[in-house]
Amino acid sequence: MKRLALLGLVLMLNACAGQSDDKQKPVGPMGTVSPHISGDALIMDDGARLPLRAWLPDGKPRAVILALHGFNDYSKAFEKPGKEWAKHGVATYAYDQRGFGRAPDRGRWVGAWRLDTDLAEASRSLRARYPGVPLYMLGESMGGAVVITAMTGAVGAPKPVCDGIVLVAPAVWGRVTMNAFERTALWAGNALFPGLTLTGEGLKVTPSDNVPMLRALSRDALVIKATRVDTIKGLVDLMDLALASAAKLKGVPLMLLYGQHDEIVPNAPTRLFITGLPPDERTDSRIALYEHGYHMLLRDLDAAIVIGDVDAWIGDHRAALPSGADRRAEVRPSRG
């Protein structure tokens, strides 16, 4: 279970573990509210208010990025890249997904259908705000899994609208790539102790080489420090769907970024996902491997390189990346 808890506790923060008798909150049907942007929030079809952050350029943007954060994180994750992209004429919007940050149902798993539907509604709201401007969806870790399942219709949710997708260390560690102990531990934990909360205390992994950033996150009250077992199970279900959906991910340009030193999402499932993508005869998609990169590529010490590559790809899908990380990815990483 510690290895599974690692996925939900990417930040390796200390917190006290406890147990709750609360049941997982069910997700209701779609509501009747017209989804829209209202100030610093996205209003969803059921009336839910999802906190929204934006980093905007001067004047009309040349492109818009809709960014989805990772598990136990929230929209502030994109502050650094959002500010940088704004300097280059790209607007970035990021919202707290349900169950995280200041969004409703904090600490609970609302299900892939609801997460995917929220993304579809958010994309349509931004398309309406910026007609004719290229719109990209960027998903980091769990956010990447949400982008994948939403774009492929894996759970039957409404599909988002966009002109391209960027997957940053996508969470695709499905059960098929877990060992028997990990699968059994998850099943037993969810069946017997769904409300038990777990932390990443004592796990010796490195989510990023940016230690000051990690320390700041450890003091951030909006970052979840202890995770329910049933919420971890929900994340694994989502990753199952994302990994199985690789072959259906087509129709829009794709950029996938992965760090050679990623200790959060293992190398093997990432390679399996990449090899499962549809044969691509186009020249507008890119897979990039960062030699010094960790899981939190957009906040690592070398984040500026990754941020620059995303900006360059949005500007010209067919051009080689400035960092050369796409050429490095032509030789698949061999670390297990």
Protein backbone atom coordinates (compact mmCIF):
# COMPACT_ATOMS: atom_id res chain seq x y z
CA MET A 1 0.00 0.00 0.00
CA LYS A 2 2.94 2.34 0.51
CA ARG A 3 3.80 2.13 -3.17
CA LEU A 4 0.18 2.91 -4.03
CA ALA A 5 0.06 5.74 -1.52
CA LEU A 6 3.06 7.20 -3.29
CA LEU A 7 0.88 8.00 -6.30
CA GLY A 8 -1.45 10.03 -4.16
CA LEU A 9 1.29 11.63 -2.15
CA VAL A 10 3.66 12.78 -4.83
CA LEU A 11 4.88 15.59 -2.64
CA MET A 12 6.21 13.29 0.10
CA LEU A 13 4.81 15.48 2.88
CA ASN A 14 4.42 14.52 6.54
CA ALA A 15 0.99 14.31 8.10
CA CYS A 16 -0.79 12.23 10.71
CA ALA A 17 -2.67 9.22 9.44
CA GLY A 18 -6.16 8.56 10.72
CA GLN A 19 -9.26 6.57 9.96
CA SER A 20 -12.72 7.79 9.03
CA ASP A 21 -16.02 5.94 8.93
CA ASP A 22 -17.36 8.21 6.20
CA LYS A 23 -18.56 6.59 3.02
CA GLN A 24 -17.37 7.68 -0.38
CA LYS A 25 -19.72 10.38 -1.61
CA PRO A 26 -21.71 9.28 -4.69
CA VAL A 27 -21.84 11.40 -7.81
CA GLY A 28 -25.25 12.56 -8.99
CA PRO A 29 -26.53 13.06 -12.54
CA MET A 30 -25.75 16.10 -14.65
CA GLY A 31 -27.49 19.26 -13.61
CA THR A 32 -29.29 21.95 -15.53
CA VAL A 33 -26.96 24.94 -15.06
CA SER A 34 -25.29 26.32 -18.17
CA PRO A 35 -21.52 25.91 -17.57
CA HIS A 36 -19.63 29.22 -17.66
CA ILE A 37 -16.77 31.25 -16.24
CA SER A 38 -17.73 33.60 -13.42
CA GLY A 39 -14.86 35.74 -12.14
CA ASP A 40 -12.34 33.43 -10.51
CA ALA A 41 -14.41 30.27 -10.83
CA LEU A 42 -15.79 27.77 -13.31
CA ILE A 43 -19.48 27.08 -12.78
CA MET A 44 -20.36 23.52 -13.76
CA ASP A 45 -23.65 22.05 -14.95
CA ASP A 46 -24.64 21.01 -11.42
CA GLY A 47 -23.85 24.44 -10.00
CA ALA A 48 -20.52 23.40 -8.49
CA ARG A 49 -17.99 26.22 -8.26
CA LEU A 50 -14.43 25.23 -9.17
CA PRO A 51 -11.74 27.79 -8.26
CA LEU A 52 -10.03 29.14 -11.38
CA ARG A 53 -6.64 30.80 -11.84
CA ALA A 54 -5.45 32.57 -14.97
CA TRP A 55 -2.16 33.96 -16.24
CA LEU A 56 -2.85 36.22 -19.17
CA PRO A 57 -0.70 38.03 -21.74
CA ASP A 58 -1.15 41.64 -22.74
CA GLY A 59 -3.68 41.79 -25.54
CA LYS A 60 -5.27 38.90 -27.41
CA PRO A 61 -3.48 35.58 -26.80
CA ARG A 62 -2.02 33.59 -29.68
CA ALA A 63 -3.07 30.39 -27.89
CA VAL A 64 -4.85 29.25 -24.72
CA ILE A 65 -3.82 26.42 -22.40
CA LEU A 66 -6.32 24.72 -20.10
CA ALA A 67 -4.17 23.01 -17.44
CA LEU A 68 -5.13 20.17 -15.10
CA HIS A 69 -3.13 19.53 -11.94
CA GLY A 70 -2.04 16.24 -10.42
CA PHE A 71 -3.39 14.17 -7.52
CA ASN A 72 -3.57 16.00 -4.15
CA ASP A 73 -2.35 19.17 -5.85
CA TYR A 74 -4.34 22.17 -7.08
CA SER A 75 -4.34 24.92 -9.69
CA LYS A 76 -1.43 26.90 -8.24
CA ALA A 77 0.80 24.16 -9.66
CA PHE A 78 0.91 26.10 -12.92
CA GLU A 79 1.91 29.48 -11.54
CA LYS A 80 5.48 29.38 -12.83
CA PRO A 81 4.79 28.08 -16.35
CA GLY A 82 1.64 30.19 -16.61
CA LYS A 83 3.58 33.39 -15.96
CA GLU A 84 6.26 32.40 -18.44
CA TRP A 85 3.84 31.43 -21.19
CA ALA A 86 2.01 34.72 -20.71
CA LYS A 87 5.23 36.54 -21.64
CA HIS A 88 5.06 34.74 -24.99
CA GLY A 89 1.43 35.53 -25.71
CA VAL A 90 -0.15 32.34 -24.34
CA ALA A 91 -3.01 32.48 -21.83
CA THR A 92 -3.11 29.73 -19.20
CA TYR A 93 -6.17 28.75 -17.19
CA ALA A 94 -6.13 26.15 -14.42
CA TYR A 95 -8.89 25.07 -12.05
CA ASP A 96 -9.04 23.03 -8.85
CA GLN A 97 -10.50 19.66 -9.83
CA ARG A 98 -13.23 18.25 -7.62
CA GLY A 99 -11.82 16.68 -4.50
CA PHE A 100 -8.75 18.92 -4.48
CA GLY A 101 -7.69 22.41 -3.45
CA ARG A 102 -10.74 24.54 -2.64
CA ALA A 103 -13.06 22.61 -4.95
CA PRO A 104 -16.07 20.69 -3.57
CA ASP A 105 -15.65 17.19 -2.06
CA ARG A 106 -12.10 17.81 -0.88
CA GLY A 107 -10.30 14.54 -0.19
CA ARG A 108 -12.98 12.40 -1.87
CA TRP A 109 -12.93 10.67 -5.23
CA VAL A 110 -15.80 11.89 -7.42
CA GLY A 111 -15.17 9.48 -10.29
CA ALA A 112 -13.73 9.68 -13.79
CA TRP A 113 -17.08 10.57 -15.36
CA ARG A 114 -17.41 13.72 -13.27
CA LEU A 115 -13.78 14.76 -13.75
CA ASP A 116 -14.04 14.20 -17.51
CA THR A 117 -17.32 16.09 -17.72
CA ASP A 118 -15.87 19.03 -15.83
CA LEU A 119 -12.99 19.15 -18.31
CA ALA A 120 -15.35 19.08 -21.27
CA GLU A 121 -17.41 21.92 -19.81
CA ALA A 122 -14.31 23.95 -18.96
CA SER A 123 -12.98 23.55 -22.51
CA ARG A 124 -16.24 24.72 -24.01
CA SER A 125 -16.35 27.74 -21.71
CA LEU A 126 -12.86 28.77 -22.83
CA ARG A 127 -13.67 28.12 -26.49
CA ALA A 128 -16.62 30.50 -26.13
CA ARG A 129 -14.43 33.12 -24.47
CA TYR A 130 -11.68 32.85 -27.12
CA PRO A 131 -13.34 31.99 -30.46
CA GLY A 132 -10.82 31.30 -33.20
CA VAL A 133 -7.85 31.05 -30.79
CA PRO A 134 -6.09 27.64 -30.63
CA LEU A 135 -6.99 25.85 -27.39
CA TYR A 136 -4.69 23.25 -25.82
CA MET A 137 -5.34 20.96 -22.88
CA LEU A 138 -2.37 20.20 -20.64
CA GLY A 139 -2.56 17.49 -18.01
CA GLU A 140 0.08 16.84 -15.37
CA SER A 141 0.22 13.38 -13.77
CA MET A 142 -3.40 12.60 -12.74
CA GLY A 143 -4.47 15.56 -14.85
CA GLY A 144 -2.91 13.79 -17.82
CA ALA A 145 -5.00 10.69 -17.14
CA VAL A 146 -8.13 12.85 -17.05
CA VAL A 147 -7.22 14.41 -20.40
CA ILE A 148 -6.66 10.95 -21.92
CA THR A 149 -9.93 9.42 -20.68
CA ALA A 150 -11.91 12.53 -21.59
CA MET A 151 -10.51 12.76 -25.11
CA THR A 152 -11.11 9.06 -25.80
CA GLY A 153 -14.60 8.93 -24.28
CA ALA A 154 -13.48 6.15 -21.94
CA VAL A 155 -16.41 6.58 -19.53
CA GLY A 156 -18.99 8.06 -21.86
CA ALA A 157 -18.63 11.63 -20.63
CA PRO A 158 -19.00 14.56 -23.05
CA LYS A 159 -15.77 15.05 -24.99
CA PRO A 160 -13.73 18.25 -24.61
CA VAL A 161 -12.94 20.56 -27.51
CA CYS A 162 -9.32 21.45 -28.20
CA ASP A 163 -6.67 21.82 -30.88
CA GLY A 164 -3.99 19.73 -29.19
CA ILE A 165 -3.03 18.04 -25.93
CA VAL A 166 0.08 18.08 -23.77
CA LEU A 167 0.65 15.20 -21.33
CA VAL A 168 3.23 15.90 -18.62
CA ALA A 169 4.30 12.67 -16.87
CA PRO A 170 0.78 11.25 -17.30
CA ALA A 171 -0.47 8.88 -14.60
CA VAL A 172 -0.82 5.62 -16.54
CA TRP A 173 0.30 3.13 -13.87
CA GLY A 174 -2.58 0.71 -14.37
CA ARG A 175 -3.13 -2.61 -12.62
CA VAL A 176 -1.75 -4.56 -15.56
CA THR A 177 1.70 -3.17 -14.72
CA MET A 178 1.41 -3.69 -10.94
CA ASN A 179 2.62 -6.79 -9.19
CA ALA A 180 0.27 -9.21 -7.43
CA PHE A 181 1.01 -7.82 -3.98
CA GLU A 182 0.18 -4.27 -5.04
CA ARG A 183 -3.10 -5.32 -6.64
CA THR A 184 -4.08 -7.45 -3.64
CA ALA A 185 -3.18 -4.76 -1.14
CA LEU A 186 -5.29 -2.21 -2.99
CA TRP A 187 -8.28 -4.55 -3.20
CA ALA A 188 -8.08 -5.55 0.46
CA GLY A 189 -7.51 -2.03 1.70
CA ASN A 190 -10.48 -0.67 -0.24
CA ALA A 191 -12.73 -3.55 0.86
CA LEU A 192 -11.81 -3.45 4.54
CA PHE A 193 -10.65 0.09 5.33
CA PRO A 194 -11.85 2.50 2.61
CA GLY A 195 -11.71 5.48 4.96
CA LEU A 196 -8.19 4.78 6.21
CA THR A 197 -5.84 7.64 5.35
CA LEU A 198 -2.25 7.10 4.26
CA THR A 199 0.72 9.40 3.98
CA GLY A 200 4.00 9.26 2.10
CA GLU A 201 6.04 9.50 5.29
CA GLY A 202 9.08 7.25 5.17
CA LEU A 203 9.06 6.69 1.42
CA LYS A 204 12.45 7.37 -0.06
CA VAL A 205 11.58 8.72 -3.49
CA THR A 206 12.30 12.02 -5.17
CA PRO A 207 9.39 13.72 -6.95
CA SER A 208 11.58 16.68 -7.95
CA ASP A 209 15.10 18.01 -7.60
CA ASN A 210 13.66 21.40 -6.61
CA VAL A 211 13.90 21.08 -2.83
CA PRO A 212 12.82 24.65 -1.94
CA MET A 213 9.68 24.14 -4.01
CA LEU A 214 8.90 20.86 -2.22
CA ARG A 215 9.38 22.52 1.16
CA ALA A 216 6.99 25.28 0.17
CA LEU A 217 4.40 22.70 -0.84
CA SER A 218 4.77 20.98 2.53
CA ARG A 219 3.59 24.23 4.13
CA ASP A 220 0.72 24.77 1.70
CA ALA A 221 -2.56 24.01 3.45
CA LEU A 222 -4.34 23.38 0.14
CA VAL A 223 -2.07 20.46 -0.75
CA ILE A 224 -3.60 17.25 0.61
CA LYS A 225 -1.16 15.42 2.88
CA ALA A 226 -3.09 12.25 3.79
CA THR A 227 -5.17 10.24 1.33
CA ARG A 228 -8.10 7.87 1.81
CA VAL A 229 -7.66 4.33 0.53
CA ASP A 230 -10.87 4.53 -1.51
CA THR A 231 -9.56 7.69 -3.15
CA ILE A 232 -6.33 5.90 -4.08
CA LYS A 233 -8.46 3.11 -5.53
CA GLY A 234 -10.31 5.70 -7.61
CA LEU A 235 -7.02 7.02 -8.92
CA VAL A 236 -5.89 3.53 -9.92
CA ASP A 237 -9.20 2.97 -11.71
CA LEU A 238 -8.57 6.18 -13.65
CA MET A 239 -5.03 5.10 -14.51
CA ASP A 240 -6.38 1.74 -15.72
CA LEU A 241 -8.69 3.57 -18.09
CA ALA A 242 -5.97 5.92 -19.27
CA LEU A 243 -3.49 3.13 -20.04
CA ALA A 244 -6.13 1.10 -21.86
CA SER A 245 -7.16 4.14 -23.91
CA ALA A 246 -3.79 4.74 -25.60
CA ALA A 247 -4.84 3.28 -28.94
CA LYS A 248 -7.89 5.56 -29.08
CA LEU A 249 -5.98 8.77 -28.48
CA LYS A 250 -6.07 10.30 -31.93
CA GLY A 251 -7.54 13.15 -33.89
CA VAL A 252 -5.50 15.99 -32.37
CA PRO A 253 -1.77 16.78 -32.14
CA LEU A 254 -0.13 15.26 -29.07
CA MET A 255 2.89 16.20 -26.98
CA LEU A 256 4.03 13.80 -24.23
CA LEU A 257 6.77 14.73 -21.76
CA TYR A 258 8.52 12.35 -19.36
CA GLY A 259 11.51 12.66 -17.03
CA GLN A 260 14.28 10.05 -17.03
CA HIS A 261 14.32 10.21 -13.20
CA ASP A 262 10.56 9.95 -12.66
CA GLU A 263 10.06 7.84 -9.52
CA ILE A 264 6.32 8.45 -9.21
CA VAL A 265 4.91 6.99 -12.44
CA PRO A 266 7.16 4.02 -13.30
CA ASN A 267 8.99 3.81 -16.57
CA ALA A 268 7.45 0.51 -17.71
CA PRO A 269 3.80 1.64 -17.88
CA THR A 270 4.86 4.90 -19.51
CA ARG A 271 6.67 2.98 -22.25
CA LEU A 272 3.66 0.66 -22.59
CA PHE A 273 1.36 3.64 -23.02
CA ILE A 274 3.62 5.23 -25.63
CA THR A 275 3.94 2.03 -27.66
CA GLY A 276 0.15 1.68 -27.50
CA LEU A 277 -0.50 5.01 -29.18
CA PRO A 278 -1.87 4.83 -32.74
CA PRO A 279 0.74 4.64 -35.49
CA ASP A 280 1.45 8.27 -36.20
CA GLU A 281 2.32 9.28 -39.73
CA ARG A 282 1.91 12.95 -38.95
CA THR A 283 4.79 15.23 -38.06
CA ASP A 284 2.90 17.42 -35.59
CA SER A 285 3.13 15.18 -32.50
CA ARG A 286 6.10 14.95 -30.14
CA ILE A 287 7.32 12.61 -27.40
CA ALA A 288 10.07 14.15 -25.28
CA LEU A 289 12.37 12.53 -22.73
CA TYR A 290 14.24 14.84 -20.32
CA GLU A 291 17.56 13.44 -19.21
CA HIS A 292 17.59 15.37 -15.92
CA GLY A 293 13.84 15.47 -15.43
CA TYR A 294 11.81 14.17 -12.49
CA HIS A 295 8.07 13.73 -12.12
CA MET A 296 7.33 17.40 -11.53
CA LEU A 297 8.83 18.52 -14.83
CA LEU A 298 7.18 21.95 -14.83
CA ARG A 299 8.60 22.72 -11.37
CA ASP A 300 11.98 20.94 -11.46
CA LEU A 301 15.20 22.94 -11.45
CA ASP A 302 15.28 22.54 -15.25
CA ALA A 303 11.64 23.54 -15.61
CA ALA A 304 12.51 26.45 -17.89
CA ILE A 305 13.65 23.96 -20.55
CA VAL A 306 10.37 22.06 -20.43
CA ILE A 307 8.30 25.25 -20.36
CA GLY A 308 10.18 26.49 -23.40
CA ASP A 309 9.57 23.26 -25.28
CA VAL A 310 5.81 23.44 -24.68
CA ASP A 311 5.75 27.03 -25.92
CA ALA A 312 7.78 26.10 -28.99
CA TRP A 313 5.56 23.13 -29.85
CA ILE A 314 2.42 25.23 -29.56
CA GLY A 315 4.00 27.71 -31.95
CA ASP A 316 5.04 25.07 -34.49
CA HIS A 317 3.99 21.43 -34.15
CA ARG A 318 6.31 20.32 -36.92
CA ALA A 319 9.55 21.86 -35.67
CA ALA A 320 12.06 19.99 -33.52
CA LEU A 321 12.01 20.96 -29.85
CA PRO A 322 14.66 23.50 -28.75
CA SER A 323 15.94 21.18 -26.00
CA GLY A 324 16.38 18.16 -28.25
CA ALA A 325 14.32 16.07 -25.83
CA ASP A 326 12.25 14.71 -28.70
CA ARG A 327 15.37 13.34 -30.37
CA ARG A 328 16.39 11.74 -27.08
CA ALA A 329 13.00 10.01 -26.87
CA GLU A 330 13.65 8.24 -30.17
CA VAL A 331 15.78 5.87 -28.09
CA ARG A 332 13.32 4.60 -25.49
CA PRO A 333 14.40 4.89 -21.84
CA SER A 334 15.60 1.56 -20.53
CA ARG A 335 15.40 2.16 -16.78
CA GLY A 336 12.68 -0.03 -15.22
